[in-house]
Amino acid sequence: MSSNEDLNNKGWFRSERDTLYLSIQIQTRAGKDEIAGIRNGRLLIRIKTPPVDSKANLRLLEFLAERLHVPRSRLKIVQGEHNRYKVVAVSECGIIDPGVVLL
């Protein structure tokens, strides 16, 4: 994982009630699926899948579900569906520190 910003900077997520919101920058057609650090206040995630027919979005949600250990059905893109900058909501997440789980 590489980043020019401090990984402890947690401005890339916020929690409201039982929903966690993640600010994400996605990079598609990467060599492998990975979390690459923090860039411009967003979690940078690299996904191998190309952005065709929403396949990269689906893979992003699957990848996050795997990393957060929650069912895929609890994740939803709430902003930026057709953009590299996204906000993903994780519902019914209880107490999760994404900085610990994801980074």
N, C-alpha and C. Protein backbone atom coordinates (compact mmCIF):
# COMPACT_ATOMS: atom_id res chain seq x y z
N MET A 1 0.85 -1.16 0.00
CA MET A 1 0.00 0.00 0.00
C MET A 1 0.89 1.22 0.00
N SER A 2 0.62 2.13 -0.92
CA SER A 2 1.41 3.36 -0.97
C SER A 2 0.48 4.55 -0.91
N SER A 3 0.96 5.60 -0.29
CA SER A 3 0.14 6.81 -0.18
C SER A 3 1.03 7.96 0.23
N ASN A 4 0.67 9.14 -0.26
CA ASN A 4 1.39 10.34 0.15
C ASN A 4 0.76 10.96 1.39
N GLU A 5 -0.38 10.45 1.80
CA GLU A 5 -1.08 11.00 2.96
C GLU A 5 -1.01 10.02 4.12
N ASP A 6 -1.23 10.53 5.30
CA ASP A 6 -1.22 9.72 6.51
C ASP A 6 -2.39 8.76 6.50
N LEU A 7 -2.13 7.47 6.65
CA LEU A 7 -3.19 6.47 6.63
C LEU A 7 -4.12 6.59 7.82
N ASN A 8 -3.68 7.27 8.85
CA ASN A 8 -4.55 7.46 10.01
C ASN A 8 -5.54 8.61 9.80
N ASN A 9 -5.42 9.34 8.71
CA ASN A 9 -6.37 10.40 8.38
C ASN A 9 -7.67 9.73 7.97
N LYS A 10 -8.68 9.82 8.83
CA LYS A 10 -9.91 9.07 8.59
C LYS A 10 -11.03 9.94 8.06
N GLY A 11 -10.69 10.99 7.31
CA GLY A 11 -11.71 11.82 6.69
C GLY A 11 -12.42 11.11 5.55
N TRP A 12 -11.95 9.93 5.17
CA TRP A 12 -12.53 9.19 4.06
C TRP A 12 -13.74 8.35 4.48
N PHE A 13 -14.09 8.37 5.75
CA PHE A 13 -15.31 7.68 6.16
C PHE A 13 -16.02 8.46 7.25
N ARG A 14 -17.32 8.21 7.34
CA ARG A 14 -18.13 8.78 8.42
C ARG A 14 -19.22 7.78 8.75
N SER A 15 -19.73 7.90 9.96
CA SER A 15 -20.76 6.98 10.43
C SER A 15 -21.98 7.78 10.88
N GLU A 16 -23.15 7.33 10.46
CA GLU A 16 -24.42 7.92 10.88
C GLU A 16 -25.33 6.77 11.28
N ARG A 17 -25.75 6.79 12.53
CA ARG A 17 -26.57 5.71 13.09
C ARG A 17 -25.87 4.38 12.84
N ASP A 18 -26.49 3.47 12.12
CA ASP A 18 -25.86 2.17 11.89
C ASP A 18 -25.34 2.04 10.45
N THR A 19 -25.12 3.19 9.79
CA THR A 19 -24.62 3.17 8.41
C THR A 19 -23.25 3.85 8.35
N LEU A 20 -22.35 3.19 7.66
CA LEU A 20 -21.00 3.69 7.45
C LEU A 20 -20.91 4.19 6.01
N TYR A 21 -20.38 5.39 5.81
CA TYR A 21 -20.21 5.95 4.47
C TYR A 21 -18.72 6.04 4.16
N LEU A 22 -18.32 5.46 3.03
CA LEU A 22 -16.93 5.45 2.61
C LEU A 22 -16.76 6.31 1.36
N SER A 23 -15.85 7.27 1.40
CA SER A 23 -15.51 8.08 0.22
C SER A 23 -14.38 7.36 -0.50
N ILE A 24 -14.63 7.03 -1.75
CA ILE A 24 -13.72 6.16 -2.50
C ILE A 24 -13.34 6.77 -3.83
N GLN A 25 -12.08 6.55 -4.21
CA GLN A 25 -11.65 6.79 -5.59
C GLN A 25 -11.30 5.42 -6.15
N ILE A 26 -11.92 5.05 -7.26
CA ILE A 26 -11.68 3.74 -7.84
C ILE A 26 -10.79 3.88 -9.08
N GLN A 27 -9.85 2.97 -9.20
CA GLN A 27 -9.00 2.90 -10.38
C GLN A 27 -9.25 1.53 -11.00
N THR A 28 -9.78 1.51 -12.21
CA THR A 28 -10.11 0.25 -12.87
C THR A 28 -8.96 -0.23 -13.75
N ARG A 29 -9.10 -1.45 -14.22
CA ARG A 29 -8.09 -2.10 -15.07
C ARG A 29 -6.72 -2.16 -14.40
N ALA A 30 -6.73 -2.37 -13.10
CA ALA A 30 -5.48 -2.46 -12.33
C ALA A 30 -4.91 -3.88 -12.44
N GLY A 31 -3.70 -4.05 -11.99
CA GLY A 31 -3.06 -5.36 -12.02
C GLY A 31 -3.70 -6.35 -11.07
N LYS A 32 -4.24 -5.84 -9.96
CA LYS A 32 -4.92 -6.69 -8.98
C LYS A 32 -5.88 -5.84 -8.17
N ASP A 33 -6.83 -6.50 -7.52
CA ASP A 33 -7.75 -5.81 -6.63
C ASP A 33 -7.01 -5.52 -5.33
N GLU A 34 -6.97 -4.24 -4.94
CA GLU A 34 -6.26 -3.89 -3.71
C GLU A 34 -6.67 -2.51 -3.22
N ILE A 35 -6.43 -2.29 -1.94
CA ILE A 35 -6.56 -0.97 -1.35
C ILE A 35 -5.18 -0.34 -1.42
N ALA A 36 -5.09 0.81 -2.08
CA ALA A 36 -3.80 1.41 -2.37
C ALA A 36 -3.48 2.60 -1.48
N GLY A 37 -4.31 2.88 -0.48
CA GLY A 37 -4.02 3.98 0.44
C GLY A 37 -5.09 5.05 0.40
N ILE A 38 -4.69 6.25 0.78
CA ILE A 38 -5.58 7.40 0.82
C ILE A 38 -5.07 8.42 -0.19
N ARG A 39 -5.97 8.93 -1.01
CA ARG A 39 -5.60 9.97 -1.98
C ARG A 39 -6.66 11.06 -1.95
N ASN A 40 -6.23 12.27 -1.71
CA ASN A 40 -7.13 13.43 -1.69
C ASN A 40 -8.35 13.20 -0.80
N GLY A 41 -8.13 12.63 0.37
CA GLY A 41 -9.21 12.44 1.33
C GLY A 41 -10.16 11.30 1.00
N ARG A 42 -9.77 10.44 0.06
CA ARG A 42 -10.60 9.29 -0.32
C ARG A 42 -9.77 8.01 -0.25
N LEU A 43 -10.46 6.93 0.02
CA LEU A 43 -9.82 5.62 0.01
C LEU A 43 -9.60 5.22 -1.45
N LEU A 44 -8.35 4.99 -1.84
CA LEU A 44 -8.04 4.60 -3.22
C LEU A 44 -8.08 3.08 -3.33
N ILE A 45 -8.97 2.60 -4.20
CA ILE A 45 -9.12 1.16 -4.41
C ILE A 45 -8.87 0.87 -5.88
N ARG A 46 -7.98 -0.09 -6.12
CA ARG A 46 -7.68 -0.53 -7.48
C ARG A 46 -8.43 -1.84 -7.74
N ILE A 47 -9.10 -1.89 -8.88
CA ILE A 47 -9.91 -3.05 -9.26
C ILE A 47 -9.47 -3.50 -10.65
N LYS A 48 -9.29 -4.80 -10.84
CA LYS A 48 -8.88 -5.34 -12.13
C LYS A 48 -9.95 -5.16 -13.21
N THR A 49 -11.19 -5.20 -12.83
CA THR A 49 -12.32 -5.19 -13.76
C THR A 49 -12.43 -3.86 -14.50
N PRO A 50 -12.68 -3.90 -15.83
CA PRO A 50 -12.89 -2.65 -16.57
C PRO A 50 -14.27 -2.06 -16.27
N PRO A 51 -14.42 -0.75 -16.47
CA PRO A 51 -15.70 -0.09 -16.18
C PRO A 51 -16.71 -0.26 -17.32
N VAL A 52 -17.11 -1.49 -17.56
CA VAL A 52 -18.06 -1.80 -18.63
C VAL A 52 -19.30 -2.44 -18.03
N ASP A 53 -20.47 -1.91 -18.38
CA ASP A 53 -21.75 -2.46 -17.91
C ASP A 53 -21.80 -2.59 -16.38
N SER A 54 -21.26 -1.64 -15.68
CA SER A 54 -21.27 -1.59 -14.20
C SER A 54 -20.52 -2.74 -13.54
N LYS A 55 -19.71 -3.47 -14.30
CA LYS A 55 -18.98 -4.60 -13.72
C LYS A 55 -17.95 -4.16 -12.69
N ALA A 56 -17.31 -3.02 -12.92
CA ALA A 56 -16.33 -2.53 -11.94
C ALA A 56 -17.02 -2.13 -10.65
N ASN A 57 -18.20 -1.53 -10.74
CA ASN A 57 -18.96 -1.18 -9.54
C ASN A 57 -19.34 -2.42 -8.75
N LEU A 58 -19.79 -3.45 -9.45
CA LEU A 58 -20.16 -4.69 -8.77
C LEU A 58 -18.95 -5.31 -8.09
N ARG A 59 -17.82 -5.32 -8.77
CA ARG A 59 -16.61 -5.89 -8.17
C ARG A 59 -16.15 -5.07 -6.98
N LEU A 60 -16.27 -3.75 -7.07
CA LEU A 60 -15.91 -2.88 -5.95
C LEU A 60 -16.73 -3.25 -4.71
N LEU A 61 -18.04 -3.41 -4.88
CA LEU A 61 -18.90 -3.75 -3.74
C LEU A 61 -18.56 -5.14 -3.19
N GLU A 62 -18.29 -6.10 -4.07
CA GLU A 62 -17.89 -7.44 -3.62
C GLU A 62 -16.58 -7.38 -2.83
N PHE A 63 -15.61 -6.63 -3.35
CA PHE A 63 -14.31 -6.49 -2.70
C PHE A 63 -14.45 -5.87 -1.32
N LEU A 64 -15.23 -4.79 -1.22
CA LEU A 64 -15.44 -4.14 0.08
C LEU A 64 -16.15 -5.07 1.05
N ALA A 65 -17.15 -5.81 0.58
CA ALA A 65 -17.87 -6.75 1.44
C ALA A 65 -16.91 -7.79 2.00
N GLU A 66 -16.02 -8.29 1.15
CA GLU A 66 -15.03 -9.28 1.61
C GLU A 66 -14.13 -8.68 2.68
N ARG A 67 -13.64 -7.47 2.44
CA ARG A 67 -12.70 -6.85 3.38
C ARG A 67 -13.35 -6.45 4.70
N LEU A 68 -14.63 -6.04 4.63
CA LEU A 68 -15.34 -5.62 5.84
C LEU A 68 -16.04 -6.78 6.55
N HIS A 69 -16.05 -7.95 5.92
CA HIS A 69 -16.69 -9.13 6.49
C HIS A 69 -18.18 -8.90 6.74
N VAL A 70 -18.84 -8.33 5.72
CA VAL A 70 -20.29 -8.12 5.78
C VAL A 70 -20.90 -8.66 4.49
N PRO A 71 -22.19 -9.00 4.51
CA PRO A 71 -22.84 -9.47 3.27
C PRO A 71 -22.85 -8.37 2.21
N ARG A 72 -22.68 -8.76 0.97
CA ARG A 72 -22.68 -7.81 -0.15
C ARG A 72 -23.98 -7.01 -0.20
N SER A 73 -25.07 -7.59 0.24
CA SER A 73 -26.38 -6.93 0.20
C SER A 73 -26.45 -5.68 1.08
N ARG A 74 -25.51 -5.51 1.97
CA ARG A 74 -25.50 -4.34 2.86
C ARG A 74 -24.76 -3.14 2.27
N LEU A 75 -24.16 -3.32 1.11
CA LEU A 75 -23.41 -2.24 0.48
C LEU A 75 -24.16 -1.67 -0.71
N LYS A 76 -24.07 -0.35 -0.86
CA LYS A 76 -24.75 0.32 -1.97
C LYS A 76 -23.96 1.57 -2.34
N ILE A 77 -23.80 1.80 -3.64
CA ILE A 77 -23.20 3.05 -4.10
C ILE A 77 -24.29 4.11 -4.05
N VAL A 78 -24.08 5.12 -3.22
CA VAL A 78 -25.09 6.17 -3.05
C VAL A 78 -24.73 7.45 -3.79
N GLN A 79 -23.51 7.52 -4.28
CA GLN A 79 -23.08 8.69 -5.05
C GLN A 79 -21.96 8.27 -5.98
N GLY A 80 -21.99 8.75 -7.23
CA GLY A 80 -20.89 8.51 -8.17
C GLY A 80 -20.94 7.19 -8.90
N GLU A 81 -22.12 6.69 -9.18
CA GLU A 81 -22.24 5.39 -9.84
C GLU A 81 -21.51 5.36 -11.19
N HIS A 82 -21.48 6.50 -11.89
CA HIS A 82 -20.83 6.57 -13.21
C HIS A 82 -19.59 7.46 -13.16
N ASN A 83 -18.89 7.43 -12.04
CA ASN A 83 -17.76 8.32 -11.81
C ASN A 83 -16.69 7.54 -11.04
N ARG A 84 -15.44 7.97 -11.12
CA ARG A 84 -14.39 7.30 -10.36
C ARG A 84 -14.43 7.66 -8.88
N TYR A 85 -15.11 8.77 -8.55
CA TYR A 85 -15.26 9.20 -7.16
C TYR A 85 -16.63 8.75 -6.68
N LYS A 86 -16.66 7.93 -5.63
CA LYS A 86 -17.90 7.31 -5.18
C LYS A 86 -18.06 7.45 -3.67
N VAL A 87 -19.30 7.33 -3.23
CA VAL A 87 -19.60 7.17 -1.82
C VAL A 87 -20.38 5.87 -1.71
N VAL A 88 -19.87 4.97 -0.88
CA VAL A 88 -20.50 3.68 -0.66
C VAL A 88 -21.06 3.65 0.76
N ALA A 89 -22.32 3.25 0.88
CA ALA A 89 -22.96 3.11 2.19
C ALA A 89 -22.93 1.64 2.59
N VAL A 90 -22.55 1.40 3.84
CA VAL A 90 -22.57 0.06 4.41
C VAL A 90 -23.61 0.10 5.53
N SER A 91 -24.75 -0.55 5.31
CA SER A 91 -25.82 -0.49 6.30
C SER A 91 -25.69 -1.61 7.32
N GLU A 92 -26.30 -1.40 8.47
CA GLU A 92 -26.32 -2.39 9.56
C GLU A 92 -24.92 -2.90 9.87
N CYS A 93 -23.97 -1.97 9.92
CA CYS A 93 -22.58 -2.40 10.09
C CYS A 93 -22.14 -2.51 11.54
N GLY A 94 -22.98 -2.05 12.47
CA GLY A 94 -22.59 -2.13 13.87
C GLY A 94 -21.37 -1.26 14.12
N ILE A 95 -20.48 -1.76 14.93
CA ILE A 95 -19.27 -1.00 15.25
C ILE A 95 -18.12 -1.57 14.44
N ILE A 96 -17.73 -0.84 13.41
CA ILE A 96 -16.60 -1.22 12.56
C ILE A 96 -15.69 -0.02 12.49
N ASP A 97 -14.40 -0.23 12.70
CA ASP A 97 -13.43 0.81 12.44
C ASP A 97 -12.81 0.49 11.09
N PRO A 98 -13.29 1.13 10.01
CA PRO A 98 -12.78 0.79 8.69
C PRO A 98 -11.29 1.03 8.54
N GLY A 99 -10.73 1.94 9.33
CA GLY A 99 -9.30 2.17 9.29
C GLY A 99 -8.52 0.94 9.71
N VAL A 100 -9.07 0.17 10.62
CA VAL A 100 -8.43 -1.07 11.07
C VAL A 100 -8.70 -2.20 10.09
N VAL A 101 -9.94 -2.33 9.65
CA VAL A 101 -10.33 -3.45 8.79
C VAL A 101 -9.78 -3.31 7.38
N LEU A 102 -9.84 -2.10 6.83
CA LEU A 102 -9.46 -1.90 5.44
C LEU A 102 -7.99 -1.60 5.23
N LEU A 103 -7.38 -0.89 6.17
CA LEU A 103 -5.99 -0.51 5.97
C LEU A 103 -5.09 -1.42 6.76
